[in-house]
Amino acid sequence: MAPISMLAPQEPARLDIEILSDLYGDMGPSAAEEAVCRAMEELALRLAEAERAFRGDDWLELGNGLRRVTAIARQIGMVGLVRVARDCRACLEAGDSVALAATLARLLRTGEKSLLALWDRPGLLP
């Protein structure tokens, strides 16, 4: 019997720093920081809700949650997360539950990495 390989998928967070810079330029540092923090908190909640909806076979709520994740991520420059959320919606719309499970797992990993990239990197934000 051949040995079993364990895969550890890894990909970097993809952030559009220009979107964040524009946000800080438009709102000012204090208001922008508050808005980004609120968006990050909301995004974490929406990702958890999407996972619960998937586990509960609530496809309507999952689709709604994926749209909310996309909107929030777009506002704060999480372009990688936007792309993966769209991929999840495509799997959901196609009715491909196996692809949806894999893509949703990727969404959760990407979401975590994106949130950590904003939170843990001093100097990333203007």
C-alpha atoms as a PDB file:
ATOM      1  CA  MET A   1       0.000   0.000   0.000  1.00  0.00           C
ATOM      2  CA  ALA A   2       1.327   3.438  -0.958  1.00  0.00           C
ATOM      3  CA  PRO A   3       1.867   5.996   1.790  1.00  0.00           C
ATOM      4  CA  ILE A   4      -0.860   8.572   2.250  1.00  0.00           C
ATOM      5  CA  SER A   5       0.132  12.150   1.584  1.00  0.00           C
ATOM      6  CA  MET A   6      -1.283  14.866   3.766  1.00  0.00           C
ATOM      7  CA  LEU A   7      -1.970  18.081   1.924  1.00  0.00           C
ATOM      8  CA  ALA A   8      -1.630  21.391   3.709  1.00  0.00           C
ATOM      9  CA  PRO A   9      -3.064  23.980   1.325  1.00  0.00           C
ATOM     10  CA  GLN A  10      -1.431  27.351   1.708  1.00  0.00           C
ATOM     11  CA  GLU A  11      -1.825  30.568  -0.176  1.00  0.00           C
ATOM     12  CA  PRO A  12      -1.059  34.110   0.825  1.00  0.00           C
ATOM     13  CA  ALA A  13      -3.733  36.674   1.605  1.00  0.00           C
ATOM     14  CA  ARG A  14      -4.343  38.944  -1.345  1.00  0.00           C
ATOM     15  CA  LEU A  15      -5.000  42.519  -0.292  1.00  0.00           C
ATOM     16  CA  ASP A  16      -5.404  45.615  -2.425  1.00  0.00           C
ATOM     17  CA  ILE A  17      -3.548  48.228  -0.408  1.00  0.00           C
ATOM     18  CA  GLU A  18      -4.732  51.006  -2.749  1.00  0.00           C
ATOM     19  CA  ILE A  19      -8.338  50.434  -1.648  1.00  0.00           C
ATOM     20  CA  LEU A  20      -7.265  50.781   1.975  1.00  0.00           C
ATOM     21  CA  SER A  21      -5.186  53.851   1.201  1.00  0.00           C
ATOM     22  CA  ASP A  22      -8.145  55.468  -0.558  1.00  0.00           C
ATOM     23  CA  LEU A  23     -10.373  54.624   2.391  1.00  0.00           C
ATOM     24  CA  TYR A  24      -7.918  56.238   4.805  1.00  0.00           C
ATOM     25  CA  GLY A  25      -7.530  59.258   2.513  1.00  0.00           C
ATOM     26  CA  ASP A  26     -11.290  59.743   2.221  1.00  0.00           C
ATOM     27  CA  MET A  27     -12.233  59.135   5.849  1.00  0.00           C
ATOM     28  CA  GLY A  28      -9.127  60.115   7.768  1.00  0.00           C
ATOM     29  CA  PRO A  29      -7.050  57.736   9.876  1.00  0.00           C
ATOM     30  CA  SER A  30      -9.284  57.462  12.918  1.00  0.00           C
ATOM     31  CA  ALA A  31     -12.593  56.964  11.126  1.00  0.00           C
ATOM     32  CA  ALA A  32     -11.044  54.615   8.565  1.00  0.00           C
ATOM     33  CA  GLU A  33      -9.436  52.476  11.257  1.00  0.00           C
ATOM     34  CA  GLU A  34     -12.784  52.216  13.020  1.00  0.00           C
ATOM     35  CA  ALA A  35     -14.550  51.311   9.769  1.00  0.00           C
ATOM     36  CA  VAL A  36     -11.961  48.654   8.898  1.00  0.00           C
ATOM     37  CA  CYS A  37     -12.180  47.133  12.376  1.00  0.00           C
ATOM     38  CA  ARG A  38     -15.985  47.000  12.155  1.00  0.00           C
ATOM     39  CA  ALA A  39     -15.756  45.430   8.706  1.00  0.00           C
ATOM     40  CA  MET A  40     -13.291  42.823   9.943  1.00  0.00           C
ATOM     41  CA  GLU A  41     -15.567  41.915  12.833  1.00  0.00           C
ATOM     42  CA  GLU A  42     -18.576  41.697  10.522  1.00  0.00           C
ATOM     43  CA  LEU A  43     -16.605  39.599   8.062  1.00  0.00           C
ATOM     44  CA  ALA A  44     -15.609  37.109  10.758  1.00  0.00           C
ATOM     45  CA  LEU A  45     -19.268  36.777  11.770  1.00  0.00           C
ATOM     46  CA  ARG A  46     -20.417  36.325   8.173  1.00  0.00           C
ATOM     47  CA  LEU A  47     -17.820  33.639   7.514  1.00  0.00           C
ATOM     48  CA  ALA A  48     -18.979  31.720  10.599  1.00  0.00           C
ATOM     49  CA  GLU A  49     -22.608  32.084   9.485  1.00  0.00           C
ATOM     50  CA  ALA A  50     -21.731  30.787   6.019  1.00  0.00           C
ATOM     51  CA  GLU A  51     -20.097  27.725   7.542  1.00  0.00           C
ATOM     52  CA  ARG A  52     -23.151  27.099   9.753  1.00  0.00           C
ATOM     53  CA  ALA A  53     -25.485  27.492   6.771  1.00  0.00           C
ATOM     54  CA  PHE A  54     -23.442  24.950   4.812  1.00  0.00           C
ATOM     55  CA  ARG A  55     -23.444  22.449   7.665  1.00  0.00           C
ATOM     56  CA  GLY A  56     -27.210  22.934   8.045  1.00  0.00           C
ATOM     57  CA  ASP A  57     -27.869  22.530   4.308  1.00  0.00           C
ATOM     58  CA  ASP A  58     -29.421  26.013   4.263  1.00  0.00           C
ATOM     59  CA  TRP A  59     -28.492  26.898   0.692  1.00  0.00           C
ATOM     60  CA  LEU A  60     -30.495  30.127   0.573  1.00  0.00           C
ATOM     61  CA  GLU A  61     -28.769  31.477   3.692  1.00  0.00           C
ATOM     62  CA  LEU A  62     -25.392  30.314   2.393  1.00  0.00           C
ATOM     63  CA  GLY A  63     -25.921  32.229  -0.849  1.00  0.00           C
ATOM     64  CA  ASN A  64     -26.952  35.335   1.076  1.00  0.00           C
ATOM     65  CA  GLY A  65     -23.950  34.979   3.377  1.00  0.00           C
ATOM     66  CA  LEU A  66     -21.563  34.617   0.452  1.00  0.00           C
ATOM     67  CA  ARG A  67     -22.948  37.819  -1.081  1.00  0.00           C
ATOM     68  CA  ARG A  68     -22.401  39.642   2.219  1.00  0.00           C
ATOM     69  CA  VAL A  69     -18.847  38.289   2.515  1.00  0.00           C
ATOM     70  CA  THR A  70     -18.136  39.481  -1.024  1.00  0.00           C
ATOM     71  CA  ALA A  71     -19.473  42.978  -0.352  1.00  0.00           C
ATOM     72  CA  ILE A  72     -17.568  43.443   2.909  1.00  0.00           C
ATOM     73  CA  ALA A  73     -14.317  42.013   1.553  1.00  0.00           C
ATOM     74  CA  ARG A  74     -14.516  44.260  -1.521  1.00  0.00           C
ATOM     75  CA  GLN A  75     -14.907  47.371   0.678  1.00  0.00           C
ATOM     76  CA  ILE A  76     -11.677  46.718   2.569  1.00  0.00           C
ATOM     77  CA  GLY A  77      -9.533  45.426  -0.287  1.00  0.00           C
ATOM     78  CA  MET A  78      -9.569  41.681   0.363  1.00  0.00           C
ATOM     79  CA  VAL A  79      -9.463  40.802  -3.319  1.00  0.00           C
ATOM     80  CA  GLY A  80      -8.458  37.166  -2.781  1.00  0.00           C
ATOM     81  CA  LEU A  81     -11.403  36.617  -0.477  1.00  0.00           C
ATOM     82  CA  VAL A  82     -13.773  38.249  -2.976  1.00  0.00           C
ATOM     83  CA  ARG A  83     -12.614  35.841  -5.677  1.00  0.00           C
ATOM     84  CA  VAL A  84     -13.007  32.728  -3.504  1.00  0.00           C
ATOM     85  CA  ALA A  85     -16.470  33.843  -2.302  1.00  0.00           C
ATOM     86  CA  ARG A  86     -17.518  34.196  -5.946  1.00  0.00           C
ATOM     87  CA  ASP A  87     -16.151  30.715  -6.645  1.00  0.00           C
ATOM     88  CA  CYS A  88     -18.267  29.376  -3.754  1.00  0.00           C
ATOM     89  CA  ARG A  89     -21.366  31.004  -5.195  1.00  0.00           C
ATOM     90  CA  ALA A  90     -20.626  29.440  -8.591  1.00  0.00           C
ATOM     91  CA  CYS A  91     -20.385  25.985  -6.977  1.00  0.00           C
ATOM     92  CA  LEU A  92     -23.603  26.628  -5.059  1.00  0.00           C
ATOM     93  CA  GLU A  93     -25.446  27.768  -8.182  1.00  0.00           C
ATOM     94  CA  ALA A  94     -24.167  24.735 -10.101  1.00  0.00           C
ATOM     95  CA  GLY A  95     -25.420  22.420  -7.348  1.00  0.00           C
ATOM     96  CA  ASP A  96     -21.970  20.836  -6.986  1.00  0.00           C
ATOM     97  CA  SER A  97     -21.849  19.980  -3.287  1.00  0.00           C
ATOM     98  CA  VAL A  98     -18.397  18.366  -3.425  1.00  0.00           C
ATOM     99  CA  ALA A  99     -16.823  21.397  -5.101  1.00  0.00           C
ATOM    100  CA  LEU A 100     -18.768  23.668  -2.736  1.00  0.00           C
ATOM    101  CA  ALA A 101     -17.392  21.865   0.326  1.00  0.00           C
ATOM    102  CA  ALA A 102     -13.824  22.204  -0.938  1.00  0.00           C
ATOM    103  CA  THR A 103     -14.250  25.811  -2.019  1.00  0.00           C
ATOM    104  CA  LEU A 104     -15.952  26.794   1.221  1.00  0.00           C
ATOM    105  CA  ALA A 105     -13.018  25.300   3.150  1.00  0.00           C
ATOM    106  CA  ARG A 106     -10.748  27.441   0.987  1.00  0.00           C
ATOM    107  CA  LEU A 107     -12.952  30.478   1.698  1.00  0.00           C
ATOM    108  CA  LEU A 108     -12.617  29.954   5.444  1.00  0.00           C
ATOM    109  CA  ARG A 109      -8.824  29.563   5.186  1.00  0.00           C
ATOM    110  CA  THR A 110      -8.536  32.614   2.940  1.00  0.00           C
ATOM    111  CA  GLY A 111     -10.790  34.631   5.241  1.00  0.00           C
ATOM    112  CA  GLU A 112      -8.682  33.794   8.257  1.00  0.00           C
ATOM    113  CA  LYS A 113      -5.461  34.648   6.441  1.00  0.00           C
ATOM    114  CA  SER A 114      -6.903  37.912   5.132  1.00  0.00           C
ATOM    115  CA  LEU A 115      -8.138  38.985   8.556  1.00  0.00           C
ATOM    116  CA  LEU A 116      -4.779  38.152  10.117  1.00  0.00           C
ATOM    117  CA  ALA A 117      -2.943  40.041   7.364  1.00  0.00           C
ATOM    118  CA  LEU A 118      -4.806  43.227   8.272  1.00  0.00           C
ATOM    119  CA  TRP A 119      -4.650  42.687  12.015  1.00  0.00           C
ATOM    120  CA  ASP A 120      -1.064  41.496  12.487  1.00  0.00           C
ATOM    121  CA  ARG A 121       0.925  43.677  10.148  1.00  0.00           C
ATOM    122  CA  PRO A 122       1.789  47.063  11.600  1.00  0.00           C
ATOM    123  CA  GLY A 123       2.459  49.572   8.875  1.00  0.00           C
ATOM    124  CA  LEU A 124       0.200  47.767   6.415  1.00  0.00           C
ATOM    125  CA  LEU A 125      -2.483  50.355   6.941  1.00  0.00           C
ATOM    126  CA  PRO A 126      -1.642  53.997   6.239  1.00  0.00           C
END
